[in-house]
Amino acid sequence: MPGISTVSSIMFGTNRILDLQSNNAHVIKVQIFSLLLKAVNTFKGY
């Protein structure tokens, strides 16, 4: 499926950035992850 490597590299870079500022890192990760899931579902046509 195209785009999976892009999503995982975005997630990896996001995790690297958030590791530097871990105050609200978990909350931000959850928000970004849900946004990515919405985008993937949109691309799949759901």
N, C-alpha and C. Protein backbone atom coordinates (compact mmCIF):
# COMPACT_ATOMS: atom_id res chain seq x y z
N MET A 1 0.85 -1.20 0.00
CA MET A 1 0.00 0.00 0.00
C MET A 1 0.89 1.25 0.00
N PRO A 2 0.70 2.14 -0.95
CA PRO A 2 1.54 3.35 -1.00
C PRO A 2 1.24 4.29 0.15
N GLY A 3 2.26 4.95 0.63
CA GLY A 3 2.09 5.94 1.69
C GLY A 3 2.42 5.44 3.07
N ILE A 4 2.56 4.11 3.22
CA ILE A 4 2.85 3.59 4.55
C ILE A 4 4.24 4.03 5.00
N SER A 5 5.22 3.96 4.09
CA SER A 5 6.58 4.37 4.47
C SER A 5 6.60 5.86 4.80
N THR A 6 5.82 6.64 4.08
CA THR A 6 5.75 8.08 4.37
C THR A 6 5.19 8.31 5.76
N VAL A 7 4.10 7.59 6.08
CA VAL A 7 3.48 7.76 7.41
C VAL A 7 4.45 7.34 8.50
N SER A 8 5.14 6.20 8.30
CA SER A 8 6.04 5.74 9.36
C SER A 8 7.24 6.68 9.51
N SER A 9 7.72 7.25 8.41
CA SER A 9 8.83 8.20 8.55
C SER A 9 8.36 9.48 9.22
N ILE A 10 7.13 9.90 8.94
CA ILE A 10 6.57 11.07 9.64
C ILE A 10 6.44 10.77 11.12
N MET A 11 5.93 9.57 11.44
CA MET A 11 5.80 9.19 12.84
C MET A 11 7.17 9.15 13.51
N PHE A 12 8.18 8.61 12.81
CA PHE A 12 9.53 8.52 13.38
C PHE A 12 10.09 9.91 13.67
N GLY A 13 9.97 10.81 12.68
CA GLY A 13 10.46 12.16 12.89
C GLY A 13 9.70 12.87 14.00
N THR A 14 8.39 12.64 14.06
CA THR A 14 7.58 13.24 15.11
C THR A 14 8.02 12.74 16.48
N ASN A 15 8.26 11.43 16.59
CA ASN A 15 8.71 10.88 17.86
C ASN A 15 10.06 11.45 18.25
N ARG A 16 10.95 11.64 17.29
CA ARG A 16 12.26 12.21 17.59
C ARG A 16 12.11 13.63 18.15
N ILE A 17 11.23 14.42 17.52
CA ILE A 17 11.02 15.80 17.97
C ILE A 17 10.40 15.80 19.37
N LEU A 18 9.39 14.93 19.57
CA LEU A 18 8.68 14.94 20.84
C LEU A 18 9.52 14.39 21.97
N ASP A 19 10.50 13.53 21.66
CA ASP A 19 11.38 13.04 22.72
C ASP A 19 12.18 14.18 23.33
N LEU A 20 12.42 15.24 22.54
CA LEU A 20 13.19 16.36 23.04
C LEU A 20 12.36 17.21 24.01
N GLN A 21 11.06 17.23 23.81
CA GLN A 21 10.19 18.04 24.68
C GLN A 21 9.07 17.15 25.18
N SER A 22 9.31 16.43 26.28
CA SER A 22 8.41 15.34 26.67
C SER A 22 7.33 15.80 27.64
N ASN A 23 7.10 17.11 27.78
CA ASN A 23 6.08 17.57 28.71
C ASN A 23 4.72 17.00 28.34
N ASN A 24 4.20 17.39 27.18
CA ASN A 24 2.90 16.91 26.72
C ASN A 24 3.08 15.98 25.53
N ALA A 25 4.21 15.27 25.51
CA ALA A 25 4.56 14.49 24.33
C ALA A 25 3.50 13.42 24.05
N HIS A 26 3.02 12.76 25.10
CA HIS A 26 2.07 11.67 24.86
C HIS A 26 0.77 12.21 24.28
N VAL A 27 0.28 13.31 24.82
CA VAL A 27 -0.97 13.89 24.33
C VAL A 27 -0.82 14.31 22.88
N ILE A 28 0.30 14.96 22.56
CA ILE A 28 0.52 15.42 21.20
C ILE A 28 0.65 14.23 20.26
N LYS A 29 1.33 13.16 20.72
CA LYS A 29 1.46 11.96 19.89
C LYS A 29 0.11 11.39 19.55
N VAL A 30 -0.77 11.31 20.55
CA VAL A 30 -2.11 10.75 20.31
C VAL A 30 -2.87 11.60 19.31
N GLN A 31 -2.78 12.93 19.44
CA GLN A 31 -3.49 13.80 18.51
C GLN A 31 -2.95 13.64 17.10
N ILE A 32 -1.63 13.62 16.95
CA ILE A 32 -1.04 13.48 15.62
C ILE A 32 -1.40 12.13 15.03
N PHE A 33 -1.37 11.09 15.87
CA PHE A 33 -1.67 9.75 15.38
C PHE A 33 -3.11 9.67 14.88
N SER A 34 -4.05 10.28 15.63
CA SER A 34 -5.45 10.23 15.19
C SER A 34 -5.63 11.04 13.90
N LEU A 35 -4.90 12.15 13.76
CA LEU A 35 -4.97 12.91 12.51
C LEU A 35 -4.44 12.08 11.35
N LEU A 36 -3.33 11.36 11.58
CA LEU A 36 -2.77 10.52 10.51
C LEU A 36 -3.75 9.41 10.14
N LEU A 37 -4.41 8.84 11.15
CA LEU A 37 -5.39 7.79 10.85
C LEU A 37 -6.52 8.35 10.01
N LYS A 38 -6.98 9.55 10.34
CA LYS A 38 -8.04 10.16 9.53
C LYS A 38 -7.57 10.36 8.09
N ALA A 39 -6.32 10.82 7.93
CA ALA A 39 -5.80 11.06 6.59
C ALA A 39 -5.70 9.75 5.81
N VAL A 40 -5.22 8.70 6.47
CA VAL A 40 -5.10 7.40 5.80
C VAL A 40 -6.47 6.89 5.39
N ASN A 41 -7.46 7.03 6.28
CA ASN A 41 -8.80 6.58 5.95
C ASN A 41 -9.37 7.38 4.79
N THR A 42 -9.06 8.67 4.74
CA THR A 42 -9.52 9.49 3.62
C THR A 42 -8.91 9.02 2.32
N PHE A 43 -7.61 8.72 2.35
CA PHE A 43 -6.94 8.24 1.13
C PHE A 43 -7.52 6.91 0.69
N LYS A 44 -7.88 6.05 1.65
CA LYS A 44 -8.43 4.75 1.29
C LYS A 44 -9.87 4.87 0.80
N GLY A 45 -10.49 6.00 1.05
CA GLY A 45 -11.83 6.24 0.54
C GLY A 45 -12.94 5.91 1.52
N TYR A 46 -12.62 5.78 2.81
CA TYR A 46 -13.66 5.47 3.80
C TYR A 46 -14.34 6.74 4.27
